[in-house]
């Protein structure tokens, strides 16, 4: 879930922690770099006032205060970012499963309820 405000970050944490563990990853990138990478021209459209509430252009963004891990995509490769996140998950005691991924202490039903709750929050902002 993308959470541009600290309040929504805490709401996501509150919802998820009722069902399992919360692991906040801050995927960091400067606005200039995000605009440079933009294949759909969304930043240009937002700057031309054709998109309302576009995070970073005409709508604020608040970096998280206490992410579990930060990956700076402007200075790290995708592979380095993935490795940092996976290493952080391992250090946080999320154990690898037989498919080489990670097991989270959550059922599909609980995940579905959490996703529904988060989607409802998105409509409130």
PDB file of N, CA and C in Angstrom:
ATOM      1  N   UNK A   1       0.843  -1.173   0.000  1.00  0.00           N
ATOM      2  CA  UNK A   1       0.000   0.000   0.000  1.00  0.00           C
ATOM      3  C   UNK A   1       0.889   1.237   0.000  1.00  0.00           C
ATOM      4  N   UNK A   2       0.539   2.220  -0.792  1.00  0.00           N
ATOM      5  CA  UNK A   2       1.235   3.497  -0.796  1.00  0.00           C
ATOM      6  C   UNK A   2       0.583   4.369   0.263  1.00  0.00           C
ATOM      7  N   UNK A   3       1.396   4.893   1.168  1.00  0.00           N
ATOM      8  CA  UNK A   3       0.869   5.718   2.258  1.00  0.00           C
ATOM      9  C   UNK A   3       1.625   7.043   2.273  1.00  0.00           C
ATOM     10  N   UNK A   4       1.100   8.071   1.601  1.00  0.00           N
ATOM     11  CA  UNK A   4       1.833   9.327   1.494  1.00  0.00           C
ATOM     12  C   UNK A   4       1.834  10.173   2.769  1.00  0.00           C
ATOM     13  N   UNK A   5       0.995   9.840   3.752  1.00  0.00           N
ATOM     14  CA  UNK A   5       0.926  10.624   4.980  1.00  0.00           C
ATOM     15  C   UNK A   5       1.282   9.765   6.175  1.00  0.00           C
ATOM     16  N   UNK A   6       1.914  10.370   7.154  1.00  0.00           N
ATOM     17  CA  UNK A   6       2.271   9.613   8.362  1.00  0.00           C
ATOM     18  C   UNK A   6       1.032   9.057   9.048  1.00  0.00           C
ATOM     19  N   UNK A   7      -0.054   9.784   8.996  1.00  0.00           N
ATOM     20  CA  UNK A   7      -1.295   9.301   9.608  1.00  0.00           C
ATOM     21  C   UNK A   7      -1.760   8.007   8.933  1.00  0.00           C
ATOM     22  N   UNK A   8      -1.705   7.968   7.591  1.00  0.00           N
ATOM     23  CA  UNK A   8      -2.127   6.749   6.888  1.00  0.00           C
ATOM     24  C   UNK A   8      -1.125   5.619   7.112  1.00  0.00           C
ATOM     25  N   UNK A   9       0.150   5.953   7.312  1.00  0.00           N
ATOM     26  CA  UNK A   9       1.149   4.936   7.632  1.00  0.00           C
ATOM     27  C   UNK A   9       0.819   4.293   8.976  1.00  0.00           C
ATOM     28  N   UNK A  10       0.434   5.116   9.946  1.00  0.00           N
ATOM     29  CA  UNK A  10       0.075   4.591  11.268  1.00  0.00           C
ATOM     30  C   UNK A  10      -1.242   3.817  11.216  1.00  0.00           C
ATOM     31  N   UNK A  11      -2.188   4.276  10.391  1.00  0.00           N
ATOM     32  CA  UNK A  11      -3.444   3.535  10.236  1.00  0.00           C
ATOM     33  C   UNK A  11      -3.170   2.153   9.642  1.00  0.00           C
ATOM     34  N   UNK A  12      -2.293   2.095   8.639  1.00  0.00           N
ATOM     35  CA  UNK A  12      -1.933   0.809   8.036  1.00  0.00           C
ATOM     36  C   UNK A  12      -1.281  -0.086   9.087  1.00  0.00           C
ATOM     37  N   UNK A  13      -0.382   0.499   9.875  1.00  0.00           N
ATOM     38  CA  UNK A  13       0.277  -0.259  10.939  1.00  0.00           C
ATOM     39  C   UNK A  13      -0.758  -0.804  11.921  1.00  0.00           C
ATOM     40  N   UNK A  14      -1.692   0.048  12.367  1.00  0.00           N
ATOM     41  CA  UNK A  14      -2.719  -0.369  13.327  1.00  0.00           C
ATOM     42  C   UNK A  14      -3.572  -1.511  12.783  1.00  0.00           C
ATOM     43  N   UNK A  15      -3.959  -1.414  11.515  1.00  0.00           N
ATOM     44  CA  UNK A  15      -4.804  -2.451  10.899  1.00  0.00           C
ATOM     45  C   UNK A  15      -4.041  -3.766  10.793  1.00  0.00           C
ATOM     46  N   UNK A  16      -2.839  -3.692  10.286  1.00  0.00           N
ATOM     47  CA  UNK A  16      -2.068  -4.907  10.032  1.00  0.00           C
ATOM     48  C   UNK A  16      -1.625  -5.566  11.327  1.00  0.00           C
ATOM     49  N   UNK A  17      -1.237  -4.769  12.323  1.00  0.00           N
ATOM     50  CA  UNK A  17      -0.748  -5.354  13.565  1.00  0.00           C
ATOM     51  C   UNK A  17      -1.840  -6.076  14.355  1.00  0.00           C
ATOM     52  N   UNK A  18      -3.112  -5.819  14.039  1.00  0.00           N
ATOM     53  CA  UNK A  18      -4.167  -6.586  14.698  1.00  0.00           C
ATOM     54  C   UNK A  18      -4.205  -8.017  14.166  1.00  0.00           C
ATOM     55  N   UNK A  19      -3.618  -8.234  12.986  1.00  0.00           N
ATOM     56  CA  UNK A  19      -3.657  -9.546  12.341  1.00  0.00           C
ATOM     57  C   UNK A  19      -2.295 -10.222  12.242  1.00  0.00           C
ATOM     58  N   UNK A  20      -1.232  -9.457  12.319  1.00  0.00           N
ATOM     59  CA  UNK A  20       0.097 -10.031  12.134  1.00  0.00           C
ATOM     60  C   UNK A  20       1.160  -8.974  12.314  1.00  0.00           C
ATOM     61  N   UNK A  21       2.327  -9.219  11.737  1.00  0.00           N
ATOM     62  CA  UNK A  21       3.447  -8.302  11.886  1.00  0.00           C
ATOM     63  C   UNK A  21       3.457  -7.275  10.762  1.00  0.00           C
ATOM     64  N   UNK A  22       3.854  -6.057  11.101  1.00  0.00           N
ATOM     65  CA  UNK A  22       3.916  -4.940  10.158  1.00  0.00           C
ATOM     66  C   UNK A  22       5.380  -4.692   9.818  1.00  0.00           C
ATOM     67  N   UNK A  23       5.662  -4.564   8.543  1.00  0.00           N
ATOM     68  CA  UNK A  23       7.028  -4.359   8.071  1.00  0.00           C
ATOM     69  C   UNK A  23       7.003  -3.201   7.089  1.00  0.00           C
ATOM     70  N   UNK A  24       7.375  -2.005   7.546  1.00  0.00           N
ATOM     71  CA  UNK A  24       7.314  -0.807   6.710  1.00  0.00           C
ATOM     72  C   UNK A  24       8.605  -0.648   5.915  1.00  0.00           C
ATOM     73  N   UNK A  25       8.458  -0.627   4.596  1.00  0.00           N
ATOM     74  CA  UNK A  25       9.584  -0.410   3.696  1.00  0.00           C
ATOM     75  C   UNK A  25       9.410   0.963   3.059  1.00  0.00           C
ATOM     76  N   UNK A  26      10.403   1.809   3.207  1.00  0.00           N
ATOM     77  CA  UNK A  26      10.394   3.129   2.578  1.00  0.00           C
ATOM     78  C   UNK A  26      11.176   3.025   1.276  1.00  0.00           C
ATOM     79  N   UNK A  27      10.464   3.080   0.164  1.00  0.00           N
ATOM     80  CA  UNK A  27      11.082   3.063  -1.154  1.00  0.00           C
ATOM     81  C   UNK A  27      11.295   4.520  -1.529  1.00  0.00           C
ATOM     82  N   UNK A  28      12.524   4.969  -1.381  1.00  0.00           N
ATOM     83  CA  UNK A  28      12.874   6.382  -1.503  1.00  0.00           C
ATOM     84  C   UNK A  28      13.372   6.704  -2.908  1.00  0.00           C
ATOM     85  N   UNK A  29      12.949   7.860  -3.396  1.00  0.00           N
ATOM     86  CA  UNK A  29      13.410   8.346  -4.694  1.00  0.00           C
ATOM     87  C   UNK A  29      13.108   9.834  -4.739  1.00  0.00           C
ATOM     88  N   UNK A  30      14.030  10.629  -5.229  1.00  0.00           N
ATOM     89  CA  UNK A  30      13.768  12.068  -5.313  1.00  0.00           C
ATOM     90  C   UNK A  30      12.664  12.328  -6.337  1.00  0.00           C
ATOM     91  N   UNK A  31      11.970  13.426  -6.150  1.00  0.00           N
ATOM     92  CA  UNK A  31      10.910  13.809  -7.082  1.00  0.00           C
ATOM     93  C   UNK A  31      11.485  13.990  -8.488  1.00  0.00           C
ATOM     94  N   UNK A  32      12.664  14.587  -8.575  1.00  0.00           N
ATOM     95  CA  UNK A  32      13.292  14.808  -9.880  1.00  0.00           C
ATOM     96  C   UNK A  32      13.568  13.489 -10.603  1.00  0.00           C
ATOM     97  N   UNK A  33      14.054  12.509  -9.852  1.00  0.00           N
ATOM     98  CA  UNK A  33      14.349  11.206 -10.463  1.00  0.00           C
ATOM     99  C   UNK A  33      13.062  10.488 -10.860  1.00  0.00           C
ATOM    100  N   UNK A  34      12.042  10.573 -10.017  1.00  0.00           N
ATOM    101  CA  UNK A  34      10.757   9.942 -10.346  1.00  0.00           C
ATOM    102  C   UNK A  34      10.184  10.553 -11.624  1.00  0.00           C
ATOM    103  N   UNK A  35      10.295  11.865 -11.755  1.00  0.00           N
ATOM    104  CA  UNK A  35       9.814  12.523 -12.983  1.00  0.00           C
ATOM    105  C   UNK A  35      10.620  12.084 -14.198  1.00  0.00           C
ATOM    106  N   UNK A  36      11.918  11.951 -14.029  1.00  0.00           N
ATOM    107  CA  UNK A  36      12.770  11.533 -15.143  1.00  0.00           C
ATOM    108  C   UNK A  36      12.404  10.134 -15.615  1.00  0.00           C
ATOM    109  N   UNK A  37      12.008   9.266 -14.700  1.00  0.00           N
ATOM    110  CA  UNK A  37      11.678   7.880 -15.030  1.00  0.00           C
ATOM    111  C   UNK A  37      10.250   7.699 -15.535  1.00  0.00           C
ATOM    112  N   UNK A  38       9.425   8.692 -15.439  1.00  0.00           N
ATOM    113  CA  UNK A  38       7.984   8.579 -15.682  1.00  0.00           C
ATOM    114  C   UNK A  38       7.654   8.253 -17.140  1.00  0.00           C
ATOM    115  N   UNK A  39       7.321   6.976 -17.454  1.00  0.00           N
ATOM    116  CA  UNK A  39       7.057   6.594 -18.847  1.00  0.00           C
ATOM    117  C   UNK A  39       5.688   7.044 -19.350  1.00  0.00           C
ATOM    118  N   UNK A  40       4.781   7.382 -18.440  1.00  0.00           N
ATOM    119  CA  UNK A  40       3.422   7.753 -18.860  1.00  0.00           C
ATOM    120  C   UNK A  40       3.175   9.257 -18.870  1.00  0.00           C
ATOM    121  N   UNK A  41       4.151  10.039 -18.455  1.00  0.00           N
ATOM    122  CA  UNK A  41       3.983  11.484 -18.443  1.00  0.00           C
ATOM    123  C   UNK A  41       3.028  11.992 -17.375  1.00  0.00           C
ATOM    124  N   UNK A  42       2.859  11.220 -16.310  1.00  0.00           N
ATOM    125  CA  UNK A  42       1.916  11.601 -15.257  1.00  0.00           C
ATOM    126  C   UNK A  42       2.380  12.833 -14.486  1.00  0.00           C
ATOM    127  N   UNK A  43       3.680  12.951 -14.253  1.00  0.00           N
ATOM    128  CA  UNK A  43       4.180  14.124 -13.533  1.00  0.00           C
ATOM    129  C   UNK A  43       3.950  15.394 -14.351  1.00  0.00           C
ATOM    130  N   UNK A  44       4.208  15.330 -15.645  1.00  0.00           N
ATOM    131  CA  UNK A  44       3.970  16.491 -16.510  1.00  0.00           C
ATOM    132  C   UNK A  44       2.490  16.858 -16.508  1.00  0.00           C
ATOM    133  N   UNK A  45       1.624  15.856 -16.542  1.00  0.00           N
ATOM    134  CA  UNK A  45       0.180  16.110 -16.506  1.00  0.00           C
ATOM    135  C   UNK A  45      -0.218  16.746 -15.183  1.00  0.00           C
ATOM    136  N   UNK A  46       0.355  16.282 -14.095  1.00  0.00           N
ATOM    137  CA  UNK A  46       0.047  16.861 -12.783  1.00  0.00           C
ATOM    138  C   UNK A  46       0.544  18.306 -12.707  1.00  0.00           C
ATOM    139  N   UNK A  47       1.726  18.570 -13.246  1.00  0.00           N
ATOM    140  CA  UNK A  47       2.267  19.941 -13.235  1.00  0.00           C
ATOM    141  C   UNK A  47       1.419  20.869 -14.105  1.00  0.00           C
ATOM    142  N   UNK A  48       0.748  20.313 -15.112  1.00  0.00           N
ATOM    143  CA  UNK A  48      -0.139  21.104 -15.973  1.00  0.00           C
ATOM    144  C   UNK A  48      -1.554  21.177 -15.384  1.00  0.00           C
ATOM    145  N   UNK A  49      -1.717  20.742 -14.137  1.00  0.00           N
ATOM    146  CA  UNK A  49      -3.008  20.737 -13.427  1.00  0.00           C
ATOM    147  C   UNK A  49      -4.053  19.837 -14.072  1.00  0.00           C
ATOM    148  N   UNK A  50      -3.611  18.789 -14.750  1.00  0.00           N
ATOM    149  CA  UNK A  50      -4.537  17.824 -15.335  1.00  0.00           C
ATOM    150  C   UNK A  50      -4.787  16.630 -14.421  1.00  0.00           C
ATOM    151  N   UNK A  51      -3.999  16.516 -13.343  1.00  0.00           N
ATOM    152  CA  UNK A  51      -4.198  15.466 -12.350  1.00  0.00           C
ATOM    153  C   UNK A  51      -4.195  16.128 -10.981  1.00  0.00           C
ATOM    154  N   UNK A  52      -5.280  15.975 -10.262  1.00  0.00           N
ATOM    155  CA  UNK A  52      -5.370  16.519  -8.908  1.00  0.00           C
ATOM    156  C   UNK A  52      -4.749  15.556  -7.915  1.00  0.00           C
ATOM    157  N   UNK A  53      -4.255  16.097  -6.831  1.00  0.00           N
ATOM    158  CA  UNK A  53      -3.750  15.297  -5.703  1.00  0.00           C
ATOM    159  C   UNK A  53      -2.718  14.263  -6.143  1.00  0.00           C
ATOM    160  N   UNK A  54      -1.764  14.697  -6.938  1.00  0.00           N
ATOM    161  CA  UNK A  54      -0.690  13.803  -7.380  1.00  0.00           C
ATOM    162  C   UNK A  54       0.465  13.959  -6.406  1.00  0.00           C
ATOM    163  N   UNK A  55       0.763  12.890  -5.700  1.00  0.00           N
ATOM    164  CA  UNK A  55       1.754  12.921  -4.625  1.00  0.00           C
ATOM    165  C   UNK A  55       3.086  13.486  -5.105  1.00  0.00           C
ATOM    166  N   UNK A  56       3.561  14.494  -4.373  1.00  0.00           N
ATOM    167  CA  UNK A  56       4.855  15.100  -4.645  1.00  0.00           C
ATOM    168  C   UNK A  56       4.780  16.321  -5.533  1.00  0.00           C
ATOM    169  N   UNK A  57       3.715  16.453  -6.324  1.00  0.00           N
ATOM    170  CA  UNK A  57       3.592  17.592  -7.233  1.00  0.00           C
ATOM    171  C   UNK A  57       2.583  18.591  -6.671  1.00  0.00           C
ATOM    172  N   UNK A  58       1.327  18.187  -6.590  1.00  0.00           N
ATOM    173  CA  UNK A  58       0.303  19.081  -6.065  1.00  0.00           C
ATOM    174  C   UNK A  58      -0.413  18.473  -4.855  1.00  0.00           C
ATOM    175  N   UNK A  59       0.267  17.525  -4.233  1.00  0.00           N
ATOM    176  CA  UNK A  59      -0.255  16.861  -3.046  1.00  0.00           C
ATOM    177  C   UNK A  59       0.956  16.448  -2.213  1.00  0.00           C
ATOM    178  N   UNK A  60       0.925  16.647  -0.908  1.00  0.00           N
ATOM    179  CA  UNK A  60       2.128  16.410  -0.101  1.00  0.00           C
ATOM    180  C   UNK A  60       2.489  14.940   0.077  1.00  0.00           C
ATOM    181  N   UNK A  61       3.731  14.736   0.468  1.00  0.00           N
ATOM    182  CA  UNK A  61       4.231  13.422   0.840  1.00  0.00           C
ATOM    183  C   UNK A  61       5.036  13.583   2.118  1.00  0.00           C
ATOM    184  N   UNK A  62       4.802  12.709   3.072  1.00  0.00           N
ATOM    185  CA  UNK A  62       5.549  12.714   4.320  1.00  0.00           C
ATOM    186  C   UNK A  62       6.318  11.402   4.432  1.00  0.00           C
ATOM    187  N   UNK A  63       7.642  11.471   4.344  1.00  0.00           N
ATOM    188  CA  UNK A  63       8.419  10.233   4.495  1.00  0.00           C
ATOM    189  C   UNK A  63       8.148   9.601   5.856  1.00  0.00           C
ATOM    190  N   UNK A  64       8.151   8.285   5.932  1.00  0.00           N
ATOM    191  CA  UNK A  64       7.900   7.637   7.216  1.00  0.00           C
ATOM    192  C   UNK A  64       8.994   7.978   8.222  1.00  0.00           C
ATOM    193  N   UNK A  65       8.594   8.068   9.491  1.00  0.00           N
ATOM    194  CA  UNK A  65       9.552   8.390  10.545  1.00  0.00           C
ATOM    195  C   UNK A  65      10.387   7.191  10.961  1.00  0.00           C
ATOM    196  N   UNK A  66       9.783   6.008  10.977  1.00  0.00           N
ATOM    197  CA  UNK A  66      10.489   4.822  11.467  1.00  0.00           C
ATOM    198  C   UNK A  66      10.286   3.610  10.560  1.00  0.00           C
ATOM    199  N   UNK A  67      10.750   3.691   9.304  1.00  0.00           N
ATOM    200  CA  UNK A  67      10.612   2.492   8.458  1.00  0.00           C
ATOM    201  C   UNK A  67      11.530   1.397   8.980  1.00  0.00           C
ATOM    202  N   UNK A  68      11.129   0.159   8.744  1.00  0.00           N
ATOM    203  CA  UNK A  68      11.992  -0.946   9.144  1.00  0.00           C
ATOM    204  C   UNK A  68      13.230  -0.983   8.260  1.00  0.00           C
ATOM    205  N   UNK A  69      13.015  -0.646   7.002  1.00  0.00           N
ATOM    206  CA  UNK A  69      14.134  -0.609   6.054  1.00  0.00           C
ATOM    207  C   UNK A  69      13.840   0.474   5.018  1.00  0.00           C
ATOM    208  N   UNK A  70      14.912   1.128   4.563  1.00  0.00           N
ATOM    209  CA  UNK A  70      14.814   2.131   3.500  1.00  0.00           C
ATOM    210  C   UNK A  70      15.658   1.664   2.327  1.00  0.00           C
ATOM    211  N   UNK A  71      15.075   1.740   1.141  1.00  0.00           N
ATOM    212  CA  UNK A  71      15.849   1.480  -0.073  1.00  0.00           C
ATOM    213  C   UNK A  71      15.743   2.734  -0.939  1.00  0.00           C
ATOM    214  N   UNK A  72      16.886   3.244  -1.355  1.00  0.00           N
ATOM    215  CA  UNK A  72      16.925   4.468  -2.154  1.00  0.00           C
ATOM    216  C   UNK A  72      17.134   4.073  -3.609  1.00  0.00           C
ATOM    217  N   UNK A  73      16.046   4.059  -4.361  1.00  0.00           N
ATOM    218  CA  UNK A  73      16.099   3.565  -5.738  1.00  0.00           C
ATOM    219  C   UNK A  73      16.868   4.490  -6.676  1.00  0.00           C
ATOM    220  N   UNK A  74      17.162   5.692  -6.215  1.00  0.00           N
ATOM    221  CA  UNK A  74      17.937   6.600  -7.049  1.00  0.00           C
ATOM    222  C   UNK A  74      19.412   6.187  -7.082  1.00  0.00           C
ATOM    223  N   UNK A  75      19.871   5.566  -6.001  1.00  0.00           N
ATOM    224  CA  UNK A  75      21.284   5.227  -5.892  1.00  0.00           C
ATOM    225  C   UNK A  75      21.558   3.731  -5.786  1.00  0.00           C
ATOM    226  N   UNK A  76      20.492   2.939  -5.714  1.00  0.00           N
ATOM    227  CA  UNK A  76      20.647   1.488  -5.611  1.00  0.00           C
ATOM    228  C   UNK A  76      19.985   0.831  -6.815  1.00  0.00           C
ATOM    229  N   UNK A  77      20.534  -0.289  -7.246  1.00  0.00           N
ATOM    230  CA  UNK A  77      19.910  -1.050  -8.323  1.00  0.00           C
ATOM    231  C   UNK A  77      18.689  -1.777  -7.764  1.00  0.00           C
ATOM    232  N   UNK A  78      17.857  -2.264  -8.656  1.00  0.00           N
ATOM    233  CA  UNK A  78      16.700  -3.051  -8.232  1.00  0.00           C
ATOM    234  C   UNK A  78      17.181  -4.258  -7.433  1.00  0.00           C
ATOM    235  N   UNK A  79      18.219  -4.913  -7.918  1.00  0.00           N
ATOM    236  CA  UNK A  79      18.754  -6.096  -7.233  1.00  0.00           C
ATOM    237  C   UNK A  79      19.216  -5.737  -5.817  1.00  0.00           C
ATOM    238  N   UNK A  80      19.917  -4.620  -5.663  1.00  0.00           N
ATOM    239  CA  UNK A  80      20.370  -4.199  -4.334  1.00  0.00           C
ATOM    240  C   UNK A  80      19.186  -3.900  -3.410  1.00  0.00           C
ATOM    241  N   UNK A  81      18.162  -3.264  -3.953  1.00  0.00           N
ATOM    242  CA  UNK A  81      16.965  -2.950  -3.153  1.00  0.00           C
ATOM    243  C   UNK A  81      16.292  -4.233  -2.677  1.00  0.00           C
ATOM    244  N   UNK A  82      16.106  -5.174  -3.591  1.00  0.00           N
ATOM    245  CA  UNK A  82      15.464  -6.442  -3.242  1.00  0.00           C
ATOM    246  C   UNK A  82      16.301  -7.175  -2.197  1.00  0.00           C
ATOM    247  N   UNK A  83      17.609  -7.216  -2.384  1.00  0.00           N
ATOM    248  CA  UNK A  83      18.479  -7.890  -1.420  1.00  0.00           C
ATOM    249  C   UNK A  83      18.378  -7.248  -0.043  1.00  0.00           C
ATOM    250  N   UNK A  84      18.341  -5.916   0.002  1.00  0.00           N
ATOM    251  CA  UNK A  84      18.247  -5.230   1.294  1.00  0.00           C
ATOM    252  C   UNK A  84      16.929  -5.571   1.986  1.00  0.00           C
ATOM    253  N   UNK A  85      15.825  -5.567   1.239  1.00  0.00           N
ATOM    254  CA  UNK A  85      14.522  -5.883   1.837  1.00  0.00           C
ATOM    255  C   UNK A  85      14.502  -7.338   2.314  1.00  0.00           C
ATOM    256  N   UNK A  86      14.953  -8.256   1.471  1.00  0.00           N
ATOM    257  CA  UNK A  86      14.952  -9.672   1.854  1.00  0.00           C
ATOM    258  C   UNK A  86      15.859  -9.926   3.061  1.00  0.00           C
ATOM    259  N   UNK A  87      17.031  -9.289   3.092  1.00  0.00           N
ATOM    260  CA  UNK A  87      17.927  -9.445   4.243  1.00  0.00           C
ATOM    261  C   UNK A  87      17.285  -8.899   5.513  1.00  0.00           C
ATOM    262  N   UNK A  88      16.580  -7.791   5.398  1.00  0.00           N
ATOM    263  CA  UNK A  88      15.897  -7.205   6.546  1.00  0.00           C
ATOM    264  C   UNK A  88      14.771  -8.113   7.032  1.00  0.00           C
ATOM    265  N   UNK A  89      14.050  -8.730   6.091  1.00  0.00           N
ATOM    266  CA  UNK A  89      13.011  -9.686   6.478  1.00  0.00           C
ATOM    267  C   UNK A  89      13.627 -10.865   7.220  1.00  0.00           C
ATOM    268  N   UNK A  90      14.742 -11.357   6.715  1.00  0.00           N
ATOM    269  CA  UNK A  90      15.415 -12.486   7.355  1.00  0.00           C
ATOM    270  C   UNK A  90      15.881 -12.102   8.758  1.00  0.00           C
ATOM    271  N   UNK A  91      16.480 -10.899   8.892  1.00  0.00           N
ATOM    272  CA  UNK A  91      16.950 -10.426  10.190  1.00  0.00           C
ATOM    273  C   UNK A  91      15.794 -10.240  11.168  1.00  0.00           C
ATOM    274  N   UNK A  92      14.606  -9.941  10.639  1.00  0.00           N
ATOM    275  CA  UNK A  92      13.423  -9.752  11.478  1.00  0.00           C
ATOM    276  C   UNK A  92      12.759 -11.079  11.808  1.00  0.00           C
ATOM    277  N   UNK A  93      13.415 -12.173  11.446  1.00  0.00           N
ATOM    278  CA  UNK A  93      12.949 -13.531  11.751  1.00  0.00           C
ATOM    279  C   UNK A  93      11.767 -13.998  10.903  1.00  0.00           C
ATOM    280  N   UNK A  94      11.601 -13.448   9.730  1.00  0.00           N
ATOM    281  CA  UNK A  94      10.658 -14.020   8.783  1.00  0.00           C
ATOM    282  C   UNK A  94      11.425 -15.149   8.115  1.00  0.00           C
ATOM    283  N   UNK A  95      10.950 -16.355   8.262  1.00  0.00           N
ATOM    284  CA  UNK A  95      11.730 -17.495   7.805  1.00  0.00           C
ATOM    285  C   UNK A  95      11.453 -17.835   6.350  1.00  0.00           C
ATOM    286  N   UNK A  96      12.486 -18.277   5.647  1.00  0.00           N
ATOM    287  CA  UNK A  96      12.287 -18.673   4.249  1.00  0.00           C
ATOM    288  C   UNK A  96      11.384 -19.902   4.145  1.00  0.00           C
ATOM    289  N   UNK A  97      10.584 -19.955   3.092  1.00  0.00           N
ATOM    290  CA  UNK A  97       9.767 -21.155   2.876  1.00  0.00           C
ATOM    291  C   UNK A  97      10.435 -22.021   1.815  1.00  0.00           C
ATOM    292  N   UNK A  98       9.801 -23.106   1.450  1.00  0.00           N
ATOM    293  CA  UNK A  98      10.418 -24.052   0.511  1.00  0.00           C
ATOM    294  C   UNK A  98      10.509 -23.506  -0.899  1.00  0.00           C
ATOM    295  N   UNK A  99       9.762 -22.456  -1.212  1.00  0.00           N
ATOM    296  CA  UNK A  99       9.814 -21.873  -2.553  1.00  0.00           C
ATOM    297  C   UNK A  99      10.880 -20.793  -2.665  1.00  0.00           C
ATOM    298  N   UNK A 100      11.647 -20.574  -1.597  1.00  0.00           N
ATOM    299  CA  UNK A 100      12.671 -19.543  -1.623  1.00  0.00           C
ATOM    300  C   UNK A 100      12.132 -18.169  -1.274  1.00  0.00           C
ATOM    301  N   UNK A 101      10.835 -18.047  -1.007  1.00  0.00           N
ATOM    302  CA  UNK A 101      10.250 -16.772  -0.605  1.00  0.00           C
ATOM    303  C   UNK A 101      10.211 -16.683   0.900  1.00  0.00           C
ATOM    304  N   UNK A 102       9.272 -15.925   1.416  1.00  0.00           N
ATOM    305  CA  UNK A 102       9.174 -15.750   2.856  1.00  0.00           C
ATOM    306  C   UNK A 102       7.769 -16.060   3.324  1.00  0.00           C
ATOM    307  N   UNK A 103       7.667 -16.649   4.498  1.00  0.00           N
ATOM    308  CA  UNK A 103       6.385 -16.998   5.096  1.00  0.00           C
ATOM    309  C   UNK A 103       5.996 -15.902   6.073  1.00  0.00           C
ATOM    310  N   UNK A 104       4.798 -15.443   5.982  1.00  0.00           N
ATOM    311  CA  UNK A 104       4.303 -14.450   6.917  1.00  0.00           C
ATOM    312  C   UNK A 104       3.218 -15.094   7.751  1.00  0.00           C
ATOM    313  N   UNK A 105       3.156 -14.773   9.044  1.00  0.00           N
ATOM    314  CA  UNK A 105       2.173 -15.406   9.928  1.00  0.00           C
ATOM    315  C   UNK A 105       0.776 -14.813   9.710  1.00  0.00           C
ATOM    316  N   UNK A 106       0.211 -15.061   8.522  1.00  0.00           N
ATOM    317  CA  UNK A 106      -1.095 -14.505   8.192  1.00  0.00           C
ATOM    318  C   UNK A 106      -1.781 -15.441   7.197  1.00  0.00           C
ATOM    319  N   UNK A 107      -3.069 -15.618   7.371  1.00  0.00           N
ATOM    320  CA  UNK A 107      -3.815 -16.454   6.436  1.00  0.00           C
ATOM    321  C   UNK A 107      -4.300 -15.610   5.266  1.00  0.00           C
ATOM    322  N   UNK A 108      -4.720 -16.270   4.201  1.00  0.00           N
ATOM    323  CA  UNK A 108      -5.263 -15.540   3.050  1.00  0.00           C
ATOM    324  C   UNK A 108      -6.512 -14.767   3.440  1.00  0.00           C
ATOM    325  N   UNK A 109      -7.329 -15.362   4.307  1.00  0.00           N
ATOM    326  CA  UNK A 109      -8.556 -14.684   4.767  1.00  0.00           C
ATOM    327  C   UNK A 109      -8.213 -13.405   5.526  1.00  0.00           C
ATOM    328  N   UNK A 110      -7.241 -13.481   6.408  1.00  0.00           N
ATOM    329  CA  UNK A 110      -6.828 -12.281   7.158  1.00  0.00           C
ATOM    330  C   UNK A 110      -6.239 -11.239   6.222  1.00  0.00           C
ATOM    331  N   UNK A 111      -5.425 -11.680   5.273  1.00  0.00           N
ATOM    332  CA  UNK A 111      -4.850 -10.752   4.302  1.00  0.00           C
ATOM    333  C   UNK A 111      -5.957 -10.044   3.526  1.00  0.00           C
ATOM    334  N   UNK A 112      -6.979 -10.787   3.130  1.00  0.00           N
ATOM    335  CA  UNK A 112      -8.100 -10.213   2.396  1.00  0.00           C
ATOM    336  C   UNK A 112      -8.811  -9.154   3.235  1.00  0.00           C
ATOM    337  N   UNK A 113      -9.014  -9.437   4.523  1.00  0.00           N
ATOM    338  CA  UNK A 113      -9.663  -8.454   5.402  1.00  0.00           C
ATOM    339  C   UNK A 113      -8.809  -7.202   5.560  1.00  0.00           C
ATOM    340  N   UNK A 114      -7.506  -7.382   5.677  1.00  0.00           N
ATOM    341  CA  UNK A 114      -6.605  -6.236   5.808  1.00  0.00           C
ATOM    342  C   UNK A 114      -6.625  -5.391   4.536  1.00  0.00           C
ATOM    343  N   UNK A 115      -6.553  -6.049   3.390  1.00  0.00           N
ATOM    344  CA  UNK A 115      -6.581  -5.325   2.115  1.00  0.00           C
ATOM    345  C   UNK A 115      -7.882  -4.539   1.979  1.00  0.00           C
ATOM    346  N   UNK A 116      -8.997  -5.135   2.351  1.00  0.00           N
ATOM    347  CA  UNK A 116     -10.290  -4.437   2.297  1.00  0.00           C
ATOM    348  C   UNK A 116     -10.284  -3.214   3.194  1.00  0.00           C
ATOM    349  N   UNK A 117      -9.760  -3.352   4.400  1.00  0.00           N
ATOM    350  CA  UNK A 117      -9.692  -2.227   5.329  1.00  0.00           C
ATOM    351  C   UNK A 117      -8.815  -1.110   4.787  1.00  0.00           C
ATOM    352  N   UNK A 118      -7.677  -1.472   4.186  1.00  0.00           N
ATOM    353  CA  UNK A 118      -6.775  -0.472   3.624  1.00  0.00           C
ATOM    354  C   UNK A 118      -7.398   0.234   2.437  1.00  0.00           C
ATOM    355  N   UNK A 119      -8.133  -0.498   1.610  1.00  0.00           N
ATOM    356  CA  UNK A 119      -8.803   0.119   0.461  1.00  0.00           C
ATOM    357  C   UNK A 119      -9.858   1.115   0.923  1.00  0.00           C
ATOM    358  N   UNK A 120     -10.554   0.801   2.004  1.00  0.00           N
ATOM    359  CA  UNK A 120     -11.540   1.732   2.551  1.00  0.00           C
ATOM    360  C   UNK A 120     -10.854   3.008   3.011  1.00  0.00           C
ATOM    361  N   UNK A 121      -9.678   2.889   3.612  1.00  0.00           N
ATOM    362  CA  UNK A 121      -8.937   4.072   4.044  1.00  0.00           C
ATOM    363  C   UNK A 121      -8.522   4.924   2.858  1.00  0.00           C
ATOM    364  N   UNK A 122      -8.130   4.305   1.762  1.00  0.00           N
ATOM    365  CA  UNK A 122      -7.714   5.057   0.575  1.00  0.00           C
ATOM    366  C   UNK A 122      -8.826   5.964   0.086  1.00  0.00           C
ATOM    367  N   UNK A 123     -10.068   5.521   0.208  1.00  0.00           N
ATOM    368  CA  UNK A 123     -11.199   6.316  -0.265  1.00  0.00           C
ATOM    369  C   UNK A 123     -11.517   7.467   0.654  1.00  0.00           C
ATOM    370  N   UNK A 124     -11.007   7.436   1.876  1.00  0.00           N
ATOM    371  CA  UNK A 124     -11.248   8.509   2.831  1.00  0.00           C
ATOM    372  C   UNK A 124     -10.303   9.672   2.629  1.00  0.00           C
ATOM    373  N   UNK A 125      -9.163   9.438   2.007  1.00  0.00           N
ATOM    374  CA  UNK A 125      -8.156  10.513   1.827  1.00  0.00           C
ATOM    375  C   UNK A 125      -8.487  11.382   0.641  1.00  0.00           C
TER     376      UNK A 125
END
